[in-house]
Amino acid sequence: TSGADEFVAGTGAHETKDTKGDLAVGYVLGSNKESTGVDVSITGGSIVHVTFDGGKSGTGVDFYTGQIQTITLWNNDVSVTGHQQEVFNWSGDKLNFTFDHYA
């Protein structure tokens, strides 16, 4: 499938350990301190380091908040019947990425 029907709430990447729980607007990305979630560290107020799954994969990404101000988490596994996207926006006054909506 393609288009909006690809993205179905309840599937795909989840920031919370409880994959059935909904995120509330304002939830801070990486604040759950779970080894299965996304970890975000911000240094100097502008350099962001993001890892997933407690860094077990050995990968991560660094970027400047001036370049990327939205993070969307999702699972692009085509074997899943639908996908959930979690959209987080940069909150410059609080120096974090907060949940905005599901897409």
N, C-alpha and C. Protein backbone atom coordinates (compact mmCIF):
# COMPACT_ATOMS: atom_id res chain seq x y z
N THR A 1 0.83 -1.19 0.00
CA THR A 1 0.00 0.00 0.00
C THR A 1 0.87 1.25 0.00
N SER A 2 0.24 2.35 -0.28
CA SER A 2 0.96 3.62 -0.22
C SER A 2 0.02 4.70 0.25
N GLY A 3 0.59 5.82 0.59
CA GLY A 3 -0.24 6.93 1.06
C GLY A 3 -0.51 6.84 2.54
N ALA A 4 -1.53 7.55 2.99
CA ALA A 4 -1.84 7.66 4.42
C ALA A 4 -2.19 6.33 5.05
N ASP A 5 -2.72 5.37 4.27
CA ASP A 5 -3.10 4.10 4.87
C ASP A 5 -1.90 3.26 5.27
N GLU A 6 -0.69 3.65 4.89
CA GLU A 6 0.52 2.96 5.33
C GLU A 6 0.78 3.17 6.82
N PHE A 7 0.31 4.26 7.35
CA PHE A 7 0.67 4.65 8.71
C PHE A 7 -0.51 4.43 9.64
N VAL A 8 -0.42 3.37 10.42
CA VAL A 8 -1.51 2.98 11.30
C VAL A 8 -1.03 3.04 12.74
N ALA A 9 -1.73 3.77 13.58
CA ALA A 9 -1.35 3.88 14.99
C ALA A 9 -1.30 2.50 15.62
N GLY A 10 -0.34 2.29 16.49
CA GLY A 10 -0.22 1.02 17.20
C GLY A 10 0.80 0.08 16.60
N THR A 11 1.46 0.48 15.53
CA THR A 11 2.51 -0.34 14.93
C THR A 11 3.75 0.51 14.73
N GLY A 12 4.86 -0.12 14.46
CA GLY A 12 6.08 0.62 14.16
C GLY A 12 6.90 0.96 15.39
N ALA A 13 7.75 1.97 15.27
CA ALA A 13 8.63 2.38 16.36
C ALA A 13 7.82 3.01 17.48
N HIS A 14 8.27 2.75 18.70
CA HIS A 14 7.59 3.33 19.86
C HIS A 14 8.64 3.92 20.79
N GLU A 15 8.42 5.10 21.25
CA GLU A 15 9.32 5.73 22.21
C GLU A 15 9.09 5.16 23.60
N THR A 16 7.91 4.69 23.90
CA THR A 16 7.61 4.17 25.23
C THR A 16 7.74 2.66 25.28
N LYS A 17 8.05 2.13 26.46
CA LYS A 17 8.19 0.68 26.64
C LYS A 17 6.85 0.00 26.40
N ASP A 18 5.77 0.61 26.84
CA ASP A 18 4.43 0.07 26.65
C ASP A 18 3.95 0.51 25.27
N THR A 19 4.03 -0.39 24.29
CA THR A 19 3.71 -0.01 22.92
C THR A 19 2.24 0.28 22.71
N LYS A 20 1.41 -0.03 23.69
CA LYS A 20 -0.02 0.26 23.55
C LYS A 20 -0.38 1.62 24.13
N GLY A 21 0.52 2.20 24.93
CA GLY A 21 0.23 3.49 25.53
C GLY A 21 0.45 4.62 24.56
N ASP A 22 -0.47 5.56 24.56
CA ASP A 22 -0.33 6.72 23.70
C ASP A 22 0.59 7.76 24.34
N LEU A 23 1.31 8.48 23.50
CA LEU A 23 2.13 9.58 23.98
C LEU A 23 1.26 10.82 24.15
N ALA A 24 1.57 11.60 25.16
CA ALA A 24 0.87 12.87 25.36
C ALA A 24 1.68 13.98 24.71
N VAL A 25 0.98 14.97 24.18
CA VAL A 25 1.66 16.13 23.60
C VAL A 25 2.56 16.73 24.66
N GLY A 26 3.81 17.01 24.29
CA GLY A 26 4.78 17.56 25.23
C GLY A 26 5.72 16.53 25.82
N TYR A 27 5.45 15.22 25.59
CA TYR A 27 6.36 14.17 26.08
C TYR A 27 7.74 14.42 25.50
N VAL A 28 8.78 14.35 26.33
CA VAL A 28 10.14 14.66 25.90
C VAL A 28 10.81 13.41 25.32
N LEU A 29 11.28 13.50 24.08
CA LEU A 29 11.94 12.40 23.41
C LEU A 29 13.19 12.00 24.18
N GLY A 30 13.30 10.71 24.48
CA GLY A 30 14.48 10.21 25.17
C GLY A 30 14.40 10.31 26.68
N SER A 31 13.25 10.74 27.21
CA SER A 31 13.17 10.93 28.66
C SER A 31 12.77 9.67 29.41
N ASN A 32 12.48 8.57 28.70
CA ASN A 32 11.99 7.38 29.39
C ASN A 32 13.09 6.55 30.03
N LYS A 33 14.34 6.74 29.67
CA LYS A 33 15.49 6.04 30.25
C LYS A 33 15.37 4.53 30.11
N GLU A 34 14.68 4.07 29.08
CA GLU A 34 14.53 2.64 28.82
C GLU A 34 15.60 2.19 27.83
N SER A 35 16.06 0.97 27.98
CA SER A 35 17.08 0.45 27.06
C SER A 35 16.50 0.15 25.68
N THR A 36 15.17 0.15 25.55
CA THR A 36 14.55 -0.13 24.27
C THR A 36 14.13 1.12 23.53
N GLY A 37 14.22 2.25 24.14
CA GLY A 37 13.75 3.49 23.52
C GLY A 37 14.84 4.27 22.84
N VAL A 38 14.53 5.49 22.54
CA VAL A 38 15.46 6.41 21.89
C VAL A 38 16.14 7.24 22.97
N ASP A 39 17.44 7.42 22.86
CA ASP A 39 18.19 8.24 23.81
C ASP A 39 18.67 9.48 23.09
N VAL A 40 18.41 10.62 23.67
CA VAL A 40 18.81 11.89 23.08
C VAL A 40 19.64 12.66 24.10
N SER A 41 20.83 13.08 23.69
CA SER A 41 21.62 13.96 24.55
C SER A 41 21.92 15.23 23.76
N ILE A 42 21.83 16.35 24.44
CA ILE A 42 22.03 17.65 23.80
C ILE A 42 23.13 18.38 24.55
N THR A 43 24.17 18.77 23.81
CA THR A 43 25.29 19.47 24.43
C THR A 43 25.41 20.87 23.85
N GLY A 44 25.77 21.79 24.66
CA GLY A 44 25.95 23.16 24.21
C GLY A 44 24.67 23.81 23.70
N GLY A 45 23.53 23.16 23.97
CA GLY A 45 22.26 23.71 23.54
C GLY A 45 21.96 23.57 22.07
N SER A 46 22.90 22.94 21.30
CA SER A 46 22.64 22.85 19.86
C SER A 46 23.12 21.57 19.20
N ILE A 47 24.02 20.82 19.83
CA ILE A 47 24.50 19.57 19.24
C ILE A 47 23.72 18.41 19.85
N VAL A 48 23.06 17.63 19.00
CA VAL A 48 22.21 16.54 19.44
C VAL A 48 22.84 15.21 19.04
N HIS A 49 22.85 14.26 19.97
CA HIS A 49 23.30 12.89 19.68
C HIS A 49 22.12 11.97 19.96
N VAL A 50 21.73 11.15 18.97
CA VAL A 50 20.59 10.27 19.08
C VAL A 50 21.05 8.83 18.88
N THR A 51 20.66 7.94 19.81
CA THR A 51 20.90 6.51 19.65
C THR A 51 19.59 5.78 19.95
N PHE A 52 19.53 4.52 19.54
CA PHE A 52 18.34 3.71 19.77
C PHE A 52 18.74 2.41 20.41
N ASP A 53 17.87 1.86 21.25
CA ASP A 53 18.08 0.56 21.87
C ASP A 53 19.31 0.56 22.77
N GLY A 54 19.45 1.62 23.54
CA GLY A 54 20.57 1.71 24.47
C GLY A 54 21.92 1.76 23.80
N GLY A 55 21.95 2.10 22.54
CA GLY A 55 23.21 2.16 21.80
C GLY A 55 23.78 0.80 21.45
N LYS A 56 23.01 -0.27 21.67
CA LYS A 56 23.48 -1.64 21.40
C LYS A 56 23.88 -1.84 19.95
N SER A 57 23.23 -1.14 19.06
CA SER A 57 23.54 -1.31 17.64
C SER A 57 24.87 -0.67 17.28
N GLY A 58 25.41 0.13 18.18
CA GLY A 58 26.68 0.79 17.93
C GLY A 58 26.56 1.97 16.98
N THR A 59 25.34 2.37 16.69
CA THR A 59 25.16 3.47 15.75
C THR A 59 24.46 4.63 16.44
N GLY A 60 24.59 5.75 15.87
CA GLY A 60 23.94 6.95 16.35
C GLY A 60 24.08 8.03 15.30
N VAL A 61 23.47 9.15 15.59
CA VAL A 61 23.57 10.27 14.65
C VAL A 61 23.74 11.55 15.46
N ASP A 62 24.58 12.44 14.94
CA ASP A 62 24.79 13.75 15.53
C ASP A 62 24.34 14.81 14.53
N PHE A 63 23.72 15.87 15.04
CA PHE A 63 23.31 16.97 14.18
C PHE A 63 23.13 18.23 15.01
N TYR A 64 23.01 19.36 14.33
CA TYR A 64 22.76 20.64 14.97
C TYR A 64 21.28 20.96 14.92
N THR A 65 20.75 21.50 15.98
CA THR A 65 19.32 21.83 16.03
C THR A 65 18.96 22.91 15.00
N GLY A 66 19.92 23.68 14.57
CA GLY A 66 19.66 24.68 13.53
C GLY A 66 19.42 24.04 12.17
N GLN A 67 19.83 22.77 12.02
CA GLN A 67 19.66 22.07 10.75
C GLN A 67 18.45 21.13 10.76
N ILE A 68 18.18 20.50 11.89
CA ILE A 68 17.08 19.54 11.99
C ILE A 68 16.24 19.92 13.20
N GLN A 69 14.97 20.21 12.97
CA GLN A 69 14.12 20.62 14.07
C GLN A 69 12.92 19.71 14.27
N THR A 70 12.81 18.64 13.46
CA THR A 70 11.75 17.66 13.63
C THR A 70 12.35 16.27 13.52
N ILE A 71 11.99 15.39 14.45
CA ILE A 71 12.41 13.99 14.42
C ILE A 71 11.14 13.15 14.31
N THR A 72 11.11 12.28 13.32
CA THR A 72 9.98 11.38 13.14
C THR A 72 10.47 9.95 13.32
N LEU A 73 9.87 9.24 14.28
CA LEU A 73 10.22 7.84 14.51
C LEU A 73 9.19 6.97 13.83
N TRP A 74 9.66 5.96 13.11
CA TRP A 74 8.74 5.01 12.50
C TRP A 74 9.49 3.76 12.10
N ASN A 75 8.75 2.71 11.82
CA ASN A 75 9.30 1.43 11.41
C ASN A 75 8.93 1.22 9.95
N ASN A 76 9.92 1.10 9.09
CA ASN A 76 9.61 0.95 7.67
C ASN A 76 9.62 -0.50 7.22
N ASP A 77 9.39 -1.43 8.14
CA ASP A 77 9.33 -2.86 7.82
C ASP A 77 8.10 -3.13 6.95
N VAL A 78 8.31 -3.54 5.71
CA VAL A 78 7.19 -3.73 4.79
C VAL A 78 6.32 -4.93 5.15
N SER A 79 6.78 -5.79 6.08
CA SER A 79 5.96 -6.93 6.46
C SER A 79 4.87 -6.55 7.46
N VAL A 80 4.94 -5.33 7.99
CA VAL A 80 3.93 -4.86 8.93
C VAL A 80 2.74 -4.32 8.14
N THR A 81 1.54 -4.57 8.64
CA THR A 81 0.33 -4.16 7.93
C THR A 81 0.14 -2.65 7.89
N GLY A 82 0.71 -1.94 8.82
CA GLY A 82 0.62 -0.48 8.84
C GLY A 82 1.75 0.05 9.69
N HIS A 83 1.93 1.31 9.65
CA HIS A 83 3.04 1.92 10.40
C HIS A 83 2.55 3.10 11.22
N GLN A 84 3.22 3.32 12.33
CA GLN A 84 2.94 4.48 13.17
C GLN A 84 4.12 5.42 13.08
N GLN A 85 3.86 6.68 12.94
CA GLN A 85 4.91 7.69 13.00
C GLN A 85 4.68 8.53 14.24
N GLU A 86 5.75 8.76 14.99
CA GLU A 86 5.71 9.67 16.14
C GLU A 86 6.53 10.90 15.75
N VAL A 87 5.91 12.06 15.78
CA VAL A 87 6.56 13.29 15.33
C VAL A 87 6.91 14.15 16.54
N PHE A 88 8.21 14.46 16.66
CA PHE A 88 8.73 15.29 17.76
C PHE A 88 9.31 16.57 17.17
N ASN A 89 9.02 17.70 17.79
CA ASN A 89 9.52 18.99 17.33
C ASN A 89 10.50 19.58 18.34
N TRP A 90 11.47 20.31 17.83
CA TRP A 90 12.47 20.98 18.65
C TRP A 90 11.81 22.10 19.44
N SER A 91 12.07 22.12 20.74
CA SER A 91 11.58 23.18 21.60
C SER A 91 12.81 23.96 22.08
N GLY A 92 13.16 24.97 21.33
CA GLY A 92 14.38 25.73 21.60
C GLY A 92 14.45 26.34 22.98
N ASP A 93 13.31 26.79 23.52
CA ASP A 93 13.33 27.41 24.84
C ASP A 93 13.56 26.38 25.94
N LYS A 94 13.23 25.10 25.69
CA LYS A 94 13.42 24.05 26.70
C LYS A 94 14.58 23.12 26.35
N LEU A 95 15.18 23.32 25.17
CA LEU A 95 16.31 22.53 24.70
C LEU A 95 16.00 21.04 24.68
N ASN A 96 14.84 20.68 24.07
CA ASN A 96 14.51 19.27 23.92
C ASN A 96 13.58 19.09 22.72
N PHE A 97 13.36 17.83 22.37
CA PHE A 97 12.41 17.47 21.33
C PHE A 97 11.17 16.93 22.03
N THR A 98 10.00 17.52 21.77
CA THR A 98 8.77 17.10 22.43
C THR A 98 7.78 16.53 21.41
N PHE A 99 7.01 15.54 21.88
CA PHE A 99 6.02 14.90 21.03
C PHE A 99 4.95 15.90 20.61
N ASP A 100 4.62 15.88 19.31
CA ASP A 100 3.62 16.78 18.78
C ASP A 100 2.37 16.03 18.31
N HIS A 101 2.57 14.97 17.50
CA HIS A 101 1.41 14.25 16.99
C HIS A 101 1.83 12.92 16.37
N TYR A 102 0.83 12.07 16.15
CA TYR A 102 1.01 10.84 15.36
C TYR A 102 0.67 11.18 13.92
N ALA A 103 1.39 10.55 13.01
CA ALA A 103 1.09 10.76 11.59
C ALA A 103 0.89 9.42 10.91
